[in-house]
N, C-alpha and C. Protein backbone atom coordinates (compact mmCIF):
# COMPACT_ATOMS: atom_id res chain seq x y z
N MET A 1 130.80 -35.11 -87.37
CA MET A 1 132.23 -35.36 -87.27
C MET A 1 132.96 -34.02 -87.28
N THR A 2 134.05 -33.92 -86.54
CA THR A 2 134.84 -32.69 -86.47
C THR A 2 135.74 -32.55 -87.69
N ILE A 3 136.29 -31.35 -87.90
CA ILE A 3 137.24 -31.15 -88.98
C ILE A 3 138.44 -32.08 -88.78
N ALA A 4 138.93 -32.16 -87.57
CA ALA A 4 140.08 -33.03 -87.29
C ALA A 4 139.75 -34.48 -87.62
N GLY A 5 138.56 -34.92 -87.29
CA GLY A 5 138.15 -36.29 -87.59
C GLY A 5 138.07 -36.56 -89.08
N LEU A 6 137.51 -35.61 -89.82
CA LEU A 6 137.44 -35.75 -91.28
C LEU A 6 138.83 -35.80 -91.90
N LEU A 7 139.71 -34.94 -91.44
CA LEU A 7 141.07 -34.93 -91.97
C LEU A 7 141.80 -36.22 -91.64
N GLN A 8 141.63 -36.68 -90.42
CA GLN A 8 142.28 -37.93 -90.00
C GLN A 8 141.82 -39.09 -90.86
N ALA A 9 140.53 -39.15 -91.15
CA ALA A 9 139.97 -40.26 -91.93
C ALA A 9 140.41 -40.22 -93.39
N ASN A 10 140.79 -39.04 -93.89
CA ASN A 10 141.14 -38.90 -95.30
C ASN A 10 142.59 -38.46 -95.52
N ALA A 11 143.42 -38.59 -94.52
CA ALA A 11 144.78 -38.06 -94.56
C ALA A 11 145.62 -38.60 -95.71
N ASN A 12 145.42 -39.84 -96.09
CA ASN A 12 146.27 -40.44 -97.12
C ASN A 12 145.77 -40.22 -98.54
N VAL A 13 144.61 -39.60 -98.71
CA VAL A 13 144.07 -39.38 -100.06
C VAL A 13 143.75 -37.93 -100.37
N LEU A 14 143.63 -37.10 -99.36
CA LEU A 14 143.24 -35.70 -99.55
C LEU A 14 144.31 -34.92 -100.29
N LYS A 15 143.92 -34.26 -101.40
CA LYS A 15 144.87 -33.48 -102.19
C LYS A 15 144.68 -31.99 -102.03
N VAL A 16 143.46 -31.55 -101.74
CA VAL A 16 143.16 -30.13 -101.61
C VAL A 16 142.37 -29.90 -100.33
N LEU A 17 142.78 -28.92 -99.55
CA LEU A 17 142.07 -28.56 -98.33
C LEU A 17 141.81 -27.06 -98.36
N VAL A 18 140.53 -26.68 -98.35
CA VAL A 18 140.13 -25.26 -98.38
C VAL A 18 139.22 -25.01 -97.18
N ILE A 19 139.57 -24.03 -96.37
CA ILE A 19 138.74 -23.63 -95.24
C ILE A 19 138.56 -22.12 -95.33
N HIS A 20 137.30 -21.69 -95.48
CA HIS A 20 136.99 -20.26 -95.61
C HIS A 20 135.92 -19.86 -94.61
N ASP A 21 136.00 -18.64 -94.16
CA ASP A 21 134.92 -17.99 -93.41
C ASP A 21 134.42 -18.78 -92.20
N ASN A 22 135.33 -19.30 -91.42
CA ASN A 22 134.94 -20.00 -90.21
C ASN A 22 135.28 -19.08 -89.03
N LEU A 23 134.27 -18.60 -88.35
CA LEU A 23 134.47 -17.62 -87.28
C LEU A 23 134.65 -18.24 -85.90
N THR A 24 134.62 -19.56 -85.80
CA THR A 24 134.78 -20.21 -84.51
C THR A 24 136.00 -21.14 -84.44
N LEU A 25 136.64 -21.40 -85.54
CA LEU A 25 137.75 -22.35 -85.60
C LEU A 25 139.02 -21.74 -85.01
N GLU A 26 139.50 -22.31 -83.90
CA GLU A 26 140.73 -21.83 -83.26
C GLU A 26 141.95 -22.63 -83.66
N SER A 27 141.76 -23.92 -83.93
CA SER A 27 142.86 -24.79 -84.31
C SER A 27 142.30 -25.89 -85.23
N ILE A 28 143.02 -26.19 -86.28
CA ILE A 28 142.55 -27.23 -87.21
C ILE A 28 142.78 -28.61 -86.62
N ILE A 29 144.03 -28.85 -86.22
CA ILE A 29 144.38 -30.14 -85.63
C ILE A 29 145.32 -29.88 -84.47
N PRO A 30 144.85 -30.02 -83.25
CA PRO A 30 145.76 -29.78 -82.13
C PRO A 30 146.85 -30.86 -82.07
N SER A 31 148.07 -30.44 -81.80
CA SER A 31 149.18 -31.37 -81.66
C SER A 31 149.47 -31.56 -80.18
N GLU A 32 149.69 -32.79 -79.80
CA GLU A 32 150.00 -33.06 -78.40
C GLU A 32 151.49 -32.86 -78.19
N GLU A 33 151.82 -32.03 -77.22
CA GLU A 33 153.22 -31.72 -76.97
C GLU A 33 154.01 -32.97 -76.64
N GLY A 34 155.17 -33.10 -77.28
CA GLY A 34 156.04 -34.24 -77.03
C GLY A 34 155.69 -35.49 -77.80
N VAL A 35 154.59 -35.47 -78.53
CA VAL A 35 154.17 -36.65 -79.27
C VAL A 35 154.52 -36.54 -80.75
N GLY A 36 154.77 -35.35 -81.25
CA GLY A 36 155.05 -35.14 -82.67
C GLY A 36 153.82 -34.61 -83.36
N PRO A 37 153.82 -34.67 -84.68
CA PRO A 37 152.69 -34.10 -85.40
C PRO A 37 151.41 -34.87 -85.14
N ALA A 38 150.31 -34.14 -85.09
CA ALA A 38 149.03 -34.77 -84.85
C ALA A 38 148.52 -35.49 -86.09
N LEU A 39 149.00 -35.09 -87.27
CA LEU A 39 148.50 -35.66 -88.52
C LEU A 39 149.50 -35.44 -89.63
N ILE A 40 149.76 -36.46 -90.41
CA ILE A 40 150.62 -36.34 -91.58
C ILE A 40 149.73 -36.52 -92.80
N MET A 41 149.83 -35.58 -93.73
CA MET A 41 149.02 -35.62 -94.95
C MET A 41 149.96 -35.65 -96.15
N PRO A 42 150.46 -36.82 -96.51
CA PRO A 42 151.49 -36.92 -97.54
C PRO A 42 151.03 -36.58 -98.96
N CYS A 43 149.74 -36.60 -99.23
CA CYS A 43 149.22 -36.34 -100.59
C CYS A 43 148.71 -34.93 -100.78
N LEU A 44 148.62 -34.14 -99.71
CA LEU A 44 148.04 -32.80 -99.80
C LEU A 44 148.90 -31.91 -100.69
N GLU A 45 148.29 -31.37 -101.76
CA GLU A 45 149.00 -30.53 -102.71
C GLU A 45 148.64 -29.05 -102.57
N SER A 46 147.46 -28.76 -102.05
CA SER A 46 147.01 -27.37 -101.96
C SER A 46 146.32 -27.13 -100.61
N LEU A 47 146.78 -26.10 -99.90
CA LEU A 47 146.19 -25.73 -98.62
C LEU A 47 145.80 -24.26 -98.69
N GLU A 48 144.51 -23.99 -98.52
CA GLU A 48 144.01 -22.61 -98.55
C GLU A 48 143.15 -22.37 -97.32
N ILE A 49 143.56 -21.40 -96.52
CA ILE A 49 142.81 -21.03 -95.33
C ILE A 49 142.62 -19.52 -95.37
N LYS A 50 141.36 -19.09 -95.28
CA LYS A 50 141.06 -17.67 -95.47
C LYS A 50 139.90 -17.25 -94.57
N ASP A 51 140.00 -16.06 -94.03
CA ASP A 51 138.93 -15.46 -93.24
C ASP A 51 138.49 -16.33 -92.06
N CYS A 52 139.45 -16.88 -91.38
CA CYS A 52 139.19 -17.61 -90.12
C CYS A 52 139.78 -16.74 -89.02
N LEU A 53 138.99 -15.81 -88.54
CA LEU A 53 139.49 -14.72 -87.73
C LEU A 53 139.97 -15.11 -86.34
N VAL A 54 139.54 -16.25 -85.81
CA VAL A 54 140.00 -16.65 -84.49
C VAL A 54 141.00 -17.80 -84.53
N LEU A 55 141.37 -18.24 -85.72
CA LEU A 55 142.35 -19.33 -85.86
C LEU A 55 143.67 -18.91 -85.26
N ARG A 56 144.15 -19.67 -84.27
CA ARG A 56 145.38 -19.33 -83.57
C ARG A 56 146.57 -20.15 -84.04
N SER A 57 146.32 -21.36 -84.54
CA SER A 57 147.44 -22.21 -84.93
C SER A 57 147.09 -23.06 -86.14
N LEU A 58 148.12 -23.39 -86.87
CA LEU A 58 148.00 -24.32 -87.99
C LEU A 58 148.59 -25.66 -87.56
N PRO A 59 148.23 -26.72 -88.23
CA PRO A 59 148.80 -28.01 -87.85
C PRO A 59 150.29 -28.07 -88.17
N ASP A 60 151.01 -28.93 -87.46
CA ASP A 60 152.40 -29.19 -87.79
C ASP A 60 152.45 -29.70 -89.22
N LEU A 61 153.46 -29.32 -89.97
CA LEU A 61 153.55 -29.73 -91.36
C LEU A 61 154.59 -30.81 -91.62
N TRP A 62 155.06 -31.45 -90.56
CA TRP A 62 156.01 -32.55 -90.73
C TRP A 62 155.35 -33.63 -91.58
N GLY A 63 155.99 -34.05 -92.64
CA GLY A 63 155.45 -35.11 -93.48
C GLY A 63 154.47 -34.64 -94.54
N TRP A 64 154.18 -33.34 -94.57
CA TRP A 64 153.29 -32.80 -95.60
C TRP A 64 154.18 -32.38 -96.77
N THR A 65 154.79 -33.31 -97.42
CA THR A 65 155.86 -33.04 -98.38
C THR A 65 155.38 -32.82 -99.81
N SER A 66 154.09 -32.85 -100.05
CA SER A 66 153.56 -32.67 -101.41
C SER A 66 152.94 -31.30 -101.64
N ILE A 67 152.95 -30.43 -100.64
CA ILE A 67 152.28 -29.13 -100.78
C ILE A 67 152.96 -28.28 -101.86
N LYS A 68 152.15 -27.89 -102.86
CA LYS A 68 152.64 -27.05 -103.95
C LYS A 68 152.07 -25.64 -103.85
N ASP A 69 150.85 -25.52 -103.36
CA ASP A 69 150.18 -24.22 -103.28
C ASP A 69 149.75 -23.97 -101.84
N LEU A 70 150.16 -22.83 -101.30
CA LEU A 70 149.83 -22.47 -99.93
C LEU A 70 149.26 -21.06 -99.92
N SER A 71 148.05 -20.92 -99.41
CA SER A 71 147.39 -19.62 -99.33
C SER A 71 146.84 -19.42 -97.93
N LEU A 72 147.35 -18.42 -97.24
CA LEU A 72 146.93 -18.09 -95.87
C LEU A 72 146.58 -16.61 -95.85
N ASN A 73 145.29 -16.30 -95.76
CA ASN A 73 144.86 -14.91 -95.84
C ASN A 73 143.81 -14.57 -94.79
N HIS A 74 143.95 -13.38 -94.24
CA HIS A 74 143.01 -12.84 -93.26
C HIS A 74 142.86 -13.77 -92.05
N LEU A 75 143.99 -14.12 -91.46
CA LEU A 75 144.03 -14.95 -90.25
C LEU A 75 144.60 -14.07 -89.14
N GLU A 76 143.76 -13.24 -88.59
CA GLU A 76 144.19 -12.17 -87.70
C GLU A 76 144.83 -12.64 -86.40
N ASN A 77 144.50 -13.82 -85.91
CA ASN A 77 145.06 -14.31 -84.65
C ASN A 77 146.19 -15.30 -84.83
N LEU A 78 146.56 -15.61 -86.06
CA LEU A 78 147.68 -16.52 -86.30
C LEU A 78 148.97 -15.79 -86.00
N LYS A 79 149.77 -16.32 -85.10
CA LYS A 79 150.96 -15.62 -84.63
C LYS A 79 152.26 -16.19 -85.18
N SER A 80 152.27 -17.41 -85.65
CA SER A 80 153.50 -18.00 -86.17
C SER A 80 153.18 -19.12 -87.14
N MET A 81 154.17 -19.47 -87.94
CA MET A 81 154.01 -20.60 -88.85
C MET A 81 154.21 -21.89 -88.07
N PRO A 82 153.62 -22.96 -88.54
CA PRO A 82 153.69 -24.22 -87.81
C PRO A 82 155.06 -24.89 -87.89
N GLU A 83 155.31 -25.80 -86.96
CA GLU A 83 156.52 -26.60 -87.02
C GLU A 83 156.54 -27.37 -88.32
N GLY A 84 157.72 -27.58 -88.85
CA GLY A 84 157.86 -28.34 -90.08
C GLY A 84 157.64 -27.53 -91.33
N PHE A 85 157.30 -26.25 -91.19
CA PHE A 85 157.03 -25.41 -92.35
C PHE A 85 158.21 -25.39 -93.32
N GLN A 86 159.41 -25.33 -92.77
CA GLN A 86 160.60 -25.25 -93.62
C GLN A 86 160.79 -26.49 -94.48
N TYR A 87 160.24 -27.64 -94.05
CA TYR A 87 160.41 -28.86 -94.82
C TYR A 87 159.48 -28.97 -96.02
N CYS A 88 158.40 -28.20 -96.05
CA CYS A 88 157.52 -28.22 -97.21
C CYS A 88 157.91 -27.14 -98.21
N LEU A 89 158.88 -26.30 -97.89
CA LEU A 89 159.28 -25.23 -98.78
C LEU A 89 159.86 -25.74 -100.09
N THR A 90 160.46 -26.90 -100.10
CA THR A 90 161.09 -27.41 -101.31
C THR A 90 160.08 -27.76 -102.40
N THR A 91 158.83 -28.03 -102.04
CA THR A 91 157.83 -28.40 -103.03
C THR A 91 156.89 -27.25 -103.38
N LEU A 92 156.93 -26.17 -102.62
CA LEU A 92 156.02 -25.05 -102.86
C LEU A 92 156.27 -24.39 -104.21
N LYS A 93 155.18 -24.18 -104.94
CA LYS A 93 155.25 -23.47 -106.23
C LYS A 93 154.67 -22.06 -106.09
N THR A 94 153.58 -21.93 -105.30
CA THR A 94 152.96 -20.63 -105.08
C THR A 94 152.64 -20.44 -103.61
N VAL A 95 152.85 -19.22 -103.15
CA VAL A 95 152.53 -18.85 -101.78
C VAL A 95 151.78 -17.52 -101.82
N SER A 96 150.66 -17.47 -101.12
CA SER A 96 149.90 -16.24 -101.01
C SER A 96 149.59 -16.03 -99.53
N THR A 97 149.92 -14.83 -99.04
CA THR A 97 149.66 -14.59 -97.62
C THR A 97 149.39 -13.12 -97.37
N SER A 98 148.56 -12.87 -96.37
CA SER A 98 148.32 -11.50 -95.93
C SER A 98 148.34 -11.43 -94.41
N ILE A 99 149.17 -12.27 -93.80
CA ILE A 99 149.22 -12.31 -92.35
C ILE A 99 150.49 -11.64 -91.86
N ASN A 100 150.41 -11.06 -90.68
CA ASN A 100 151.56 -10.45 -90.02
C ASN A 100 152.01 -11.37 -88.91
N LEU A 101 153.15 -11.99 -89.09
CA LEU A 101 153.64 -12.93 -88.09
C LEU A 101 154.56 -12.23 -87.11
N ILE A 102 154.53 -12.71 -85.86
CA ILE A 102 155.40 -12.20 -84.81
C ILE A 102 156.51 -13.22 -84.61
N TYR A 103 157.75 -12.79 -84.71
CA TYR A 103 158.89 -13.70 -84.53
C TYR A 103 159.54 -13.46 -83.22
């Protein structure tokens, strides 16, 4: 099963998502243009992605309203934050990042 398939199957119960050292992952969950977010994870409290050197995009965060801890480190090809990022800011308690975003 793919990462997207696992996340889809557990979207309503998953509280912590950690992805480390994946050298082939370009996108966690592709979003179809014009359709909205590919996945809503209302229970996710902690998202940590680290050392995924070819990761180009993060999933849309619309509806991910429970995120308290966000850690994004060593994501050299990530160019921007995902749509909906501003809506999860109200619940964030800790943020850790070492990425250089292009605006």
